Amino acid sequence: MKVALGKISSIQMGYSFRFGLEYMNRGEIAVIQMKNLAEDQVDCVNLLRIEMTQLKAHHLVQPGDLMFRSRGQVSTSAILITDPGPAVVAAPLLRIRADQNLVLPEYLNWYINQSPAQAFFESRARGSTQKIIGKEALESLEVDLPSLERQRTIAELAALAQEEQRLMRRLSELGGLHIAKLLIKMAQENEAVNGVIGK
């Protein structure tokens, strides 16, 4: 069964700041920006914290929210796993809050980042120099909606596959470092031989 994203989630534009964040007073409200999105998760380690006096409750994010990249070369989402405390999402990001009675955030995050959804965004993108996905286009995305149990299974398998890829990349990096060390050692031994020959 396919259901429009707008019927199984609420989508809100990111907060538009009147001034550059770098010029605002430091405070207790964390700001999630495009640069804080790491692949499919939000990295909360280095969130900028500012002072906001006119903040309303509906601006605040919560764990399970998805942050959608509405501008740029990629139109993917990242899920907020850890609780950053009081935090808002900055424009041009869009915040997606799943109706968890119908769809799991982890499944929805996975689905948005897959090829069918990406092809849809490509067909609905505006702009010639910078791709833009509007809120209306995002709301109209048709999402395959299996049972919650199957959604959970898919999300768990996808997470395991991603972890496997991460470990394989790390193993490849470590293998490369090991080989480089061996080659350097060989080169240094060669220098020692040349030193003896030079005498």
Foldseek 3Di string as FASTA:
>chain_A
DWDFLLVFKPKAAFDEDPDDPVPAAFDAEFEQEPVQADVAAGNLPDTGGGDDDPDDPVQWDAFLKWKFDFKADFTAIHGYHDGNDGYGYHPPIMIIHGNVVFAGSLLVRVQCRDDVNRVQQVVQFDDDPMTGDDPVSNRRDIDDTDDRVVSVVVSVVVVVVVVVVVVVVVVVVVVVVVVVVVVVVVVVVVVVVVVVVVD
